[in-house]
PDB file of N, CA and C in Angstrom:
ATOM      1  N   MET A   1       0.843  -1.166   0.000  1.00  0.00           N
ATOM      2  CA  MET A   1       0.000   0.000   0.000  1.00  0.00           C
ATOM      3  C   MET A   1       0.886   1.226   0.000  1.00  0.00           C
ATOM      4  N   ALA A   2       0.371   2.299  -0.569  1.00  0.00           N
ATOM      5  CA  ALA A   2       1.175   3.501  -0.681  1.00  0.00           C
ATOM      6  C   ALA A   2       0.418   4.740  -0.238  1.00  0.00           C
ATOM      7  N   SER A   3       1.186   5.678   0.295  1.00  0.00           N
ATOM      8  CA  SER A   3       0.719   7.023   0.600  1.00  0.00           C
ATOM      9  C   SER A   3       1.869   7.942   0.240  1.00  0.00           C
ATOM     10  N   GLY A   4       1.801   8.523  -0.938  1.00  0.00           N
ATOM     11  CA  GLY A   4       2.933   9.299  -1.426  1.00  0.00           C
ATOM     12  C   GLY A   4       4.131   8.385  -1.618  1.00  0.00           C
ATOM     13  N   ALA A   5       5.278   8.746  -1.023  1.00  0.00           N
ATOM     14  CA  ALA A   5       6.489   7.934  -1.132  1.00  0.00           C
ATOM     15  C   ALA A   5       6.544   6.823  -0.094  1.00  0.00           C
ATOM     16  N   ASP A   6       5.662   6.857   0.907  1.00  0.00           N
ATOM     17  CA  ASP A   6       5.647   5.822   1.953  1.00  0.00           C
ATOM     18  C   ASP A   6       4.966   4.559   1.449  1.00  0.00           C
ATOM     19  N   ARG A   7       5.522   3.411   1.814  1.00  0.00           N
ATOM     20  CA  ARG A   7       4.965   2.111   1.424  1.00  0.00           C
ATOM     21  C   ARG A   7       4.740   1.256   2.659  1.00  0.00           C
ATOM     22  N   LEU A   8       3.604   0.560   2.696  1.00  0.00           N
ATOM     23  CA  LEU A   8       3.295  -0.395   3.766  1.00  0.00           C
ATOM     24  C   LEU A   8       3.279  -1.789   3.177  1.00  0.00           C
ATOM     25  N   ALA A   9       4.085  -2.686   3.715  1.00  0.00           N
ATOM     26  CA  ALA A   9       4.042  -4.087   3.304  1.00  0.00           C
ATOM     27  C   ALA A   9       2.824  -4.727   3.972  1.00  0.00           C
ATOM     28  N   TYR A  10       2.190  -5.653   3.295  1.00  0.00           N
ATOM     29  CA  TYR A  10       1.049  -6.356   3.872  1.00  0.00           C
ATOM     30  C   TYR A  10       0.909  -7.713   3.214  1.00  0.00           C
ATOM     31  N   GLN A  11       0.101  -8.564   3.839  1.00  0.00           N
ATOM     32  CA  GLN A  11      -0.159  -9.890   3.302  1.00  0.00           C
ATOM     33  C   GLN A  11      -1.650 -10.150   3.380  1.00  0.00           C
ATOM     34  N   LEU A  12      -2.181 -10.928   2.439  1.00  0.00           N
ATOM     35  CA  LEU A  12      -3.605 -11.261   2.411  1.00  0.00           C
ATOM     36  C   LEU A  12      -3.803 -12.717   2.815  1.00  0.00           C
ATOM     37  N   PHE A  13      -4.892 -12.969   3.547  1.00  0.00           N
ATOM     38  CA  PHE A  13      -5.210 -14.307   4.051  1.00  0.00           C
ATOM     39  C   PHE A  13      -6.692 -14.585   3.853  1.00  0.00           C
ATOM     40  N   THR A  14      -7.058 -15.867   3.783  1.00  0.00           N
ATOM     41  CA  THR A  14      -8.470 -16.224   3.680  1.00  0.00           C
ATOM     42  C   THR A  14      -9.061 -16.651   5.010  1.00  0.00           C
ATOM     43  N   ASP A  15      -8.257 -16.661   6.064  1.00  0.00           N
ATOM     44  CA  ASP A  15      -8.788 -17.024   7.380  1.00  0.00           C
ATOM     45  C   ASP A  15      -8.338 -16.000   8.418  1.00  0.00           C
ATOM     46  N   SER A  16      -9.146 -15.823   9.447  1.00  0.00           N
ATOM     47  CA  SER A  16      -8.858 -14.812  10.464  1.00  0.00           C
ATOM     48  C   SER A  16      -7.646 -15.161  11.319  1.00  0.00           C
ATOM     49  N   ALA A  17      -7.217 -16.414  11.312  1.00  0.00           N
ATOM     50  CA  ALA A  17      -6.020 -16.822  12.055  1.00  0.00           C
ATOM     51  C   ALA A  17      -4.739 -16.506  11.274  1.00  0.00           C
ATOM     52  N   HIS A  18      -4.893 -16.034  10.040  1.00  0.00           N
ATOM     53  CA  HIS A  18      -3.773 -15.672   9.176  1.00  0.00           C
ATOM     54  C   HIS A  18      -2.837 -16.848   8.905  1.00  0.00           C
ATOM     55  N   THR A  19      -3.422 -18.011   8.601  1.00  0.00           N
ATOM     56  CA  THR A  19      -2.613 -19.190   8.316  1.00  0.00           C
ATOM     57  C   THR A  19      -2.538 -19.511   6.824  1.00  0.00           C
ATOM     58  N   TRP A  20      -3.517 -19.049   6.041  1.00  0.00           N
ATOM     59  CA  TRP A  20      -3.503 -19.318   4.605  1.00  0.00           C
ATOM     60  C   TRP A  20      -3.079 -18.053   3.894  1.00  0.00           C
ATOM     61  N   CYS A  21      -1.953 -18.104   3.221  1.00  0.00           N
ATOM     62  CA  CYS A  21      -1.357 -16.951   2.568  1.00  0.00           C
ATOM     63  C   CYS A  21      -1.777 -16.903   1.106  1.00  0.00           C
ATOM     64  N   GLY A  22      -2.541 -15.892   0.743  1.00  0.00           N
ATOM     65  CA  GLY A  22      -3.031 -15.774  -0.619  1.00  0.00           C
ATOM     66  C   GLY A  22      -1.979 -15.272  -1.582  1.00  0.00           C
ATOM     67  N   GLY A  23      -2.096 -15.658  -2.825  1.00  0.00           N
ATOM     68  CA  GLY A  23      -1.172 -15.206  -3.851  1.00  0.00           C
ATOM     69  C   GLY A  23      -1.370 -15.956  -5.145  1.00  0.00           C
ATOM     70  N   ASP A  24      -0.310 -16.052  -5.917  1.00  0.00           N
ATOM     71  CA  ASP A  24      -0.395 -16.698  -7.231  1.00  0.00           C
ATOM     72  C   ASP A  24       0.228 -18.094  -7.254  1.00  0.00           C
ATOM     73  N   GLY A  25       0.571 -18.621  -6.078  1.00  0.00           N
ATOM     74  CA  GLY A  25       1.169 -19.950  -6.005  1.00  0.00           C
ATOM     75  C   GLY A  25       2.686 -19.941  -6.004  1.00  0.00           C
ATOM     76  N   SER A  26       3.288 -18.768  -6.086  1.00  0.00           N
ATOM     77  CA  SER A  26       4.753 -18.688  -6.063  1.00  0.00           C
ATOM     78  C   SER A  26       5.227 -18.110  -4.732  1.00  0.00           C
ATOM     79  N   ALA A  27       6.476 -18.301  -4.419  1.00  0.00           N
ATOM     80  CA  ALA A  27       7.132 -17.716  -3.227  1.00  0.00           C
ATOM     81  C   ALA A  27       6.389 -18.027  -1.932  1.00  0.00           C
ATOM     82  N   GLY A  28       5.916 -19.249  -1.784  1.00  0.00           N
ATOM     83  CA  GLY A  28       5.252 -19.650  -0.545  1.00  0.00           C
ATOM     84  C   GLY A  28       3.799 -19.254  -0.437  1.00  0.00           C
ATOM     85  N   THR A  29       3.216 -18.727  -1.502  1.00  0.00           N
ATOM     86  CA  THR A  29       1.800 -18.359  -1.478  1.00  0.00           C
ATOM     87  C   THR A  29       0.960 -19.465  -2.096  1.00  0.00           C
ATOM     88  N   SER A  30      -0.354 -19.355  -1.937  1.00  0.00           N
ATOM     89  CA  SER A  30      -1.280 -20.351  -2.468  1.00  0.00           C
ATOM     90  C   SER A  30      -2.393 -19.670  -3.248  1.00  0.00           C
ATOM     91  N   THR A  31      -2.983 -20.428  -4.141  1.00  0.00           N
ATOM     92  CA  THR A  31      -4.149 -19.934  -4.860  1.00  0.00           C
ATOM     93  C   THR A  31      -5.405 -20.472  -4.198  1.00  0.00           C
ATOM     94  N   LEU A  32      -6.515 -19.823  -4.416  1.00  0.00           N
ATOM     95  CA  LEU A  32      -7.803 -20.254  -3.886  1.00  0.00           C
ATOM     96  C   LEU A  32      -8.603 -20.833  -5.037  1.00  0.00           C
ATOM     97  N   SER A  33      -9.133 -22.029  -4.844  1.00  0.00           N
ATOM     98  CA  SER A  33      -9.977 -22.603  -5.892  1.00  0.00           C
ATOM     99  C   SER A  33     -11.289 -23.064  -5.276  1.00  0.00           C
ATOM    100  N   ASP A  34     -12.290 -23.106  -6.110  1.00  0.00           N
ATOM    101  CA  ASP A  34     -13.627 -23.479  -5.677  1.00  0.00           C
ATOM    102  C   ASP A  34     -14.317 -24.098  -6.883  1.00  0.00           C
ATOM    103  N   ARG A  35     -15.316 -24.896  -6.622  1.00  0.00           N
ATOM    104  CA  ARG A  35     -16.053 -25.491  -7.716  1.00  0.00           C
ATOM    105  C   ARG A  35     -17.534 -25.336  -7.446  1.00  0.00           C
ATOM    106  N   MET A  36     -18.285 -25.105  -8.517  1.00  0.00           N
ATOM    107  CA  MET A  36     -19.720 -24.902  -8.392  1.00  0.00           C
ATOM    108  C   MET A  36     -20.399 -25.444  -9.642  1.00  0.00           C
ATOM    109  N   VAL A  37     -21.428 -26.235  -9.458  1.00  0.00           N
ATOM    110  CA  VAL A  37     -22.197 -26.757 -10.580  1.00  0.00           C
ATOM    111  C   VAL A  37     -23.456 -25.911 -10.707  1.00  0.00           C
ATOM    112  N   ILE A  38     -23.648 -25.340 -11.871  1.00  0.00           N
ATOM    113  CA  ILE A  38     -24.811 -24.496 -12.123  1.00  0.00           C
ATOM    114  C   ILE A  38     -25.733 -25.243 -13.081  1.00  0.00           C
ATOM    115  N   PRO A  39     -26.863 -25.735 -12.563  1.00  0.00           N
ATOM    116  CA  PRO A  39     -27.766 -26.481 -13.447  1.00  0.00           C
ATOM    117  C   PRO A  39     -28.485 -25.557 -14.428  1.00  0.00           C
ATOM    118  N   PRO A  40     -28.662 -25.998 -15.673  1.00  0.00           N
ATOM    119  CA  PRO A  40     -29.404 -25.186 -16.637  1.00  0.00           C
ATOM    120  C   PRO A  40     -30.899 -25.286 -16.351  1.00  0.00           C
ATOM    121  N   PRO A  41     -31.728 -24.421 -16.758  1.00  0.00           N
ATOM    122  CA  PRO A  41     -31.363 -23.120 -17.317  1.00  0.00           C
ATOM    123  C   PRO A  41     -31.130 -22.102 -16.196  1.00  0.00           C
ATOM    124  N   ARG A  42     -30.247 -21.170 -16.424  1.00  0.00           N
ATOM    125  CA  ARG A  42     -29.961 -20.122 -15.439  1.00  0.00           C
ATOM    126  C   ARG A  42     -30.789 -18.894 -15.779  1.00  0.00           C
ATOM    127  N   SER A  43     -31.592 -18.455 -14.842  1.00  0.00           N
ATOM    128  CA  SER A  43     -32.414 -17.272 -15.084  1.00  0.00           C
ATOM    129  C   SER A  43     -31.878 -16.039 -14.369  1.00  0.00           C
ATOM    130  N   ARG A  44     -30.925 -16.226 -13.460  1.00  0.00           N
ATOM    131  CA  ARG A  44     -30.347 -15.077 -12.762  1.00  0.00           C
ATOM    132  C   ARG A  44     -28.887 -15.358 -12.436  1.00  0.00           C
ATOM    133  N   PRO A  45     -28.101 -14.318 -12.186  1.00  0.00           N
ATOM    134  CA  PRO A  45     -26.678 -14.497 -11.899  1.00  0.00           C
ATOM    135  C   PRO A  45     -26.438 -15.255 -10.592  1.00  0.00           C
ATOM    136  N   VAL A  46     -25.320 -15.921 -10.525  1.00  0.00           N
ATOM    137  CA  VAL A  46     -24.902 -16.619  -9.321  1.00  0.00           C
ATOM    138  C   VAL A  46     -23.805 -15.791  -8.668  1.00  0.00           C
ATOM    139  N   THR A  47     -23.933 -15.569  -7.359  1.00  0.00           N
ATOM    140  CA  THR A  47     -22.944 -14.779  -6.629  1.00  0.00           C
ATOM    141  C   THR A  47     -22.200 -15.662  -5.650  1.00  0.00           C
ATOM    142  N   ARG A  48     -20.902 -15.482  -5.576  1.00  0.00           N
ATOM    143  CA  ARG A  48     -20.059 -16.199  -4.616  1.00  0.00           C
ATOM    144  C   ARG A  48     -19.277 -15.148  -3.840  1.00  0.00           C
ATOM    145  N   ASN A  49     -19.297 -15.198  -2.518  1.00  0.00           N
ATOM    146  CA  ASN A  49     -18.585 -14.232  -1.690  1.00  0.00           C
ATOM    147  C   ASN A  49     -17.446 -14.910  -0.935  1.00  0.00           C
ATOM    148  N   TYR A  50     -16.308 -14.228  -0.862  1.00  0.00           N
ATOM    149  CA  TYR A  50     -15.152 -14.713  -0.121  1.00  0.00           C
ATOM    150  C   TYR A  50     -14.650 -13.584   0.769  1.00  0.00           C
ATOM    151  N   THR A  51     -14.350 -13.896   2.019  1.00  0.00           N
ATOM    152  CA  THR A  51     -13.785 -12.913   2.933  1.00  0.00           C
ATOM    153  C   THR A  51     -12.269 -13.010   2.870  1.00  0.00           C
ATOM    154  N   ILE A  52     -11.621 -11.873   2.711  1.00  0.00           N
ATOM    155  CA  ILE A  52     -10.165 -11.810   2.669  1.00  0.00           C
ATOM    156  C   ILE A  52      -9.706 -10.899   3.805  1.00  0.00           C
ATOM    157  N   TYR A  53      -8.707 -11.352   4.556  1.00  0.00           N
ATOM    158  CA  TYR A  53      -8.158 -10.589   5.680  1.00  0.00           C
ATOM    159  C   TYR A  53      -6.784 -10.064   5.299  1.00  0.00           C
ATOM    160  N   GLY A  54      -6.468  -8.874   5.761  1.00  0.00           N
ATOM    161  CA  GLY A  54      -5.155  -8.290   5.524  1.00  0.00           C
ATOM    162  C   GLY A  54      -4.411  -8.126   6.836  1.00  0.00           C
ATOM    163  N   GLN A  55      -3.091  -8.231   6.773  1.00  0.00           N
ATOM    164  CA  GLN A  55      -2.268  -8.043   7.967  1.00  0.00           C
ATOM    165  C   GLN A  55      -1.051  -7.201   7.599  1.00  0.00           C
ATOM    166  N   ILE A  56      -0.822  -6.152   8.407  1.00  0.00           N
ATOM    167  CA  ILE A  56       0.309  -5.253   8.220  1.00  0.00           C
ATOM    168  C   ILE A  56       1.252  -5.459   9.398  1.00  0.00           C
ATOM    169  N   PRO A  57       2.550  -5.679   9.153  1.00  0.00           N
ATOM    170  CA  PRO A  57       3.495  -5.813  10.270  1.00  0.00           C
ATOM    171  C   PRO A  57       3.525  -4.532  11.111  1.00  0.00           C
ATOM    172  N   GLY A  58       3.755  -4.674  12.394  1.00  0.00           N
ATOM    173  CA  GLY A  58       3.811  -3.525  13.284  1.00  0.00           C
ATOM    174  C   GLY A  58       5.118  -2.757  13.170  1.00  0.00           C
ATOM    175  N   ARG A  59       5.068  -1.536  13.646  1.00  0.00           N
ATOM    176  CA  ARG A  59       6.238  -0.657  13.772  1.00  0.00           C
ATOM    177  C   ARG A  59       6.973  -0.384  12.466  1.00  0.00           C
ATOM    178  N   LEU A  60       6.218  -0.235  11.385  1.00  0.00           N
ATOM    179  CA  LEU A  60       6.852   0.131  10.120  1.00  0.00           C
ATOM    180  C   LEU A  60       7.187   1.624  10.155  1.00  0.00           C
ATOM    181  N   PRO A  61       8.354   2.002   9.638  1.00  0.00           N
ATOM    182  CA  PRO A  61       8.772   3.401   9.691  1.00  0.00           C
ATOM    183  C   PRO A  61       8.121   4.246   8.587  1.00  0.00           C
ATOM    184  N   VAL A  62       6.823   4.502   8.732  1.00  0.00           N
ATOM    185  CA  VAL A  62       6.091   5.290   7.744  1.00  0.00           C
ATOM    186  C   VAL A  62       5.309   6.391   8.441  1.00  0.00           C
ATOM    187  N   SER A  63       4.901   7.371   7.678  1.00  0.00           N
ATOM    188  CA  SER A  63       4.125   8.491   8.201  1.00  0.00           C
ATOM    189  C   SER A  63       2.648   8.121   8.302  1.00  0.00           C
ATOM    190  N   PRO A  64       1.932   8.723   9.253  1.00  0.00           N
ATOM    191  CA  PRO A  64       0.480   8.534   9.299  1.00  0.00           C
ATOM    192  C   PRO A  64      -0.126   9.060   7.996  1.00  0.00           C
ATOM    193  N   GLY A  65      -1.214   8.459   7.586  1.00  0.00           N
ATOM    194  CA  GLY A  65      -1.872   8.926   6.374  1.00  0.00           C
ATOM    195  C   GLY A  65      -2.863   7.913   5.857  1.00  0.00           C
ATOM    196  N   SER A  66      -3.378   8.184   4.703  1.00  0.00           N
ATOM    197  CA  SER A  66      -4.325   7.304   4.034  1.00  0.00           C
ATOM    198  C   SER A  66      -3.563   6.498   2.982  1.00  0.00           C
ATOM    199  N   TYR A  67      -3.496   5.191   3.181  1.00  0.00           N
ATOM    200  CA  TYR A  67      -2.756   4.303   2.287  1.00  0.00           C
ATOM    201  C   TYR A  67      -3.733   3.522   1.418  1.00  0.00           C
ATOM    202  N   THR A  68      -3.414   3.378   0.149  1.00  0.00           N
ATOM    203  CA  THR A  68      -4.288   2.656  -0.775  1.00  0.00           C
ATOM    204  C   THR A  68      -3.474   1.690  -1.627  1.00  0.00           C
ATOM    205  N   ASP A  69      -4.159   0.702  -2.183  1.00  0.00           N
ATOM    206  CA  ASP A  69      -3.552  -0.240  -3.100  1.00  0.00           C
ATOM    207  C   ASP A  69      -4.663  -0.851  -3.941  1.00  0.00           C
ATOM    208  N   VAL A  70      -4.291  -1.545  -4.984  1.00  0.00           N
ATOM    209  CA  VAL A  70      -5.234  -2.255  -5.829  1.00  0.00           C
ATOM    210  C   VAL A  70      -4.865  -3.732  -5.793  1.00  0.00           C
ATOM    211  N   VAL A  71      -5.839  -4.589  -5.518  1.00  0.00           N
ATOM    212  CA  VAL A  71      -5.641  -6.039  -5.513  1.00  0.00           C
ATOM    213  C   VAL A  71      -6.331  -6.597  -6.739  1.00  0.00           C
ATOM    214  N   THR A  72      -5.599  -7.357  -7.540  1.00  0.00           N
ATOM    215  CA  THR A  72      -6.163  -7.949  -8.739  1.00  0.00           C
ATOM    216  C   THR A  72      -6.581  -9.382  -8.469  1.00  0.00           C
ATOM    217  N   VAL A  73      -7.799  -9.722  -8.842  1.00  0.00           N
ATOM    218  CA  VAL A  73      -8.339 -11.078  -8.685  1.00  0.00           C
ATOM    219  C   VAL A  73      -8.619 -11.633 -10.072  1.00  0.00           C
ATOM    220  N   THR A  74      -8.090 -12.819 -10.349  1.00  0.00           N
ATOM    221  CA  THR A  74      -8.329 -13.472 -11.624  1.00  0.00           C
ATOM    222  C   THR A  74      -9.328 -14.599 -11.415  1.00  0.00           C
ATOM    223  N   VAL A  75     -10.394 -14.586 -12.173  1.00  0.00           N
ATOM    224  CA  VAL A  75     -11.422 -15.628 -12.097  1.00  0.00           C
ATOM    225  C   VAL A  75     -11.370 -16.421 -13.403  1.00  0.00           C
ATOM    226  N   THR A  76     -11.168 -17.721 -13.269  1.00  0.00           N
ATOM    227  CA  THR A  76     -11.158 -18.604 -14.421  1.00  0.00           C
ATOM    228  C   THR A  76     -12.380 -19.501 -14.350  1.00  0.00           C
ATOM    229  N   TYR A  77     -13.132 -19.570 -15.400  1.00  0.00           N
ATOM    230  CA  TYR A  77     -14.327 -20.423 -15.410  1.00  0.00           C
ATOM    231  C   TYR A  77     -14.435 -21.184 -16.697  1.00  0.00           C
TER     232      TYR A  77
END
């Protein structure tokens, strides 16, 4: 995450205990997969919700402020 020149390192998890490390499958991270059977005919969209938790290490040498980032999610179907 960034606020001007300041950067905050963070990690994303799918559980509140912070044991599953989200990512692309490289460098010790894992991908999330799910399967769903949609019987025909479909008359309305199907929604799937996933909770993602973020964790920032403490005592980072950054200034107070509003930090933002963009997380990209790839859905393959």
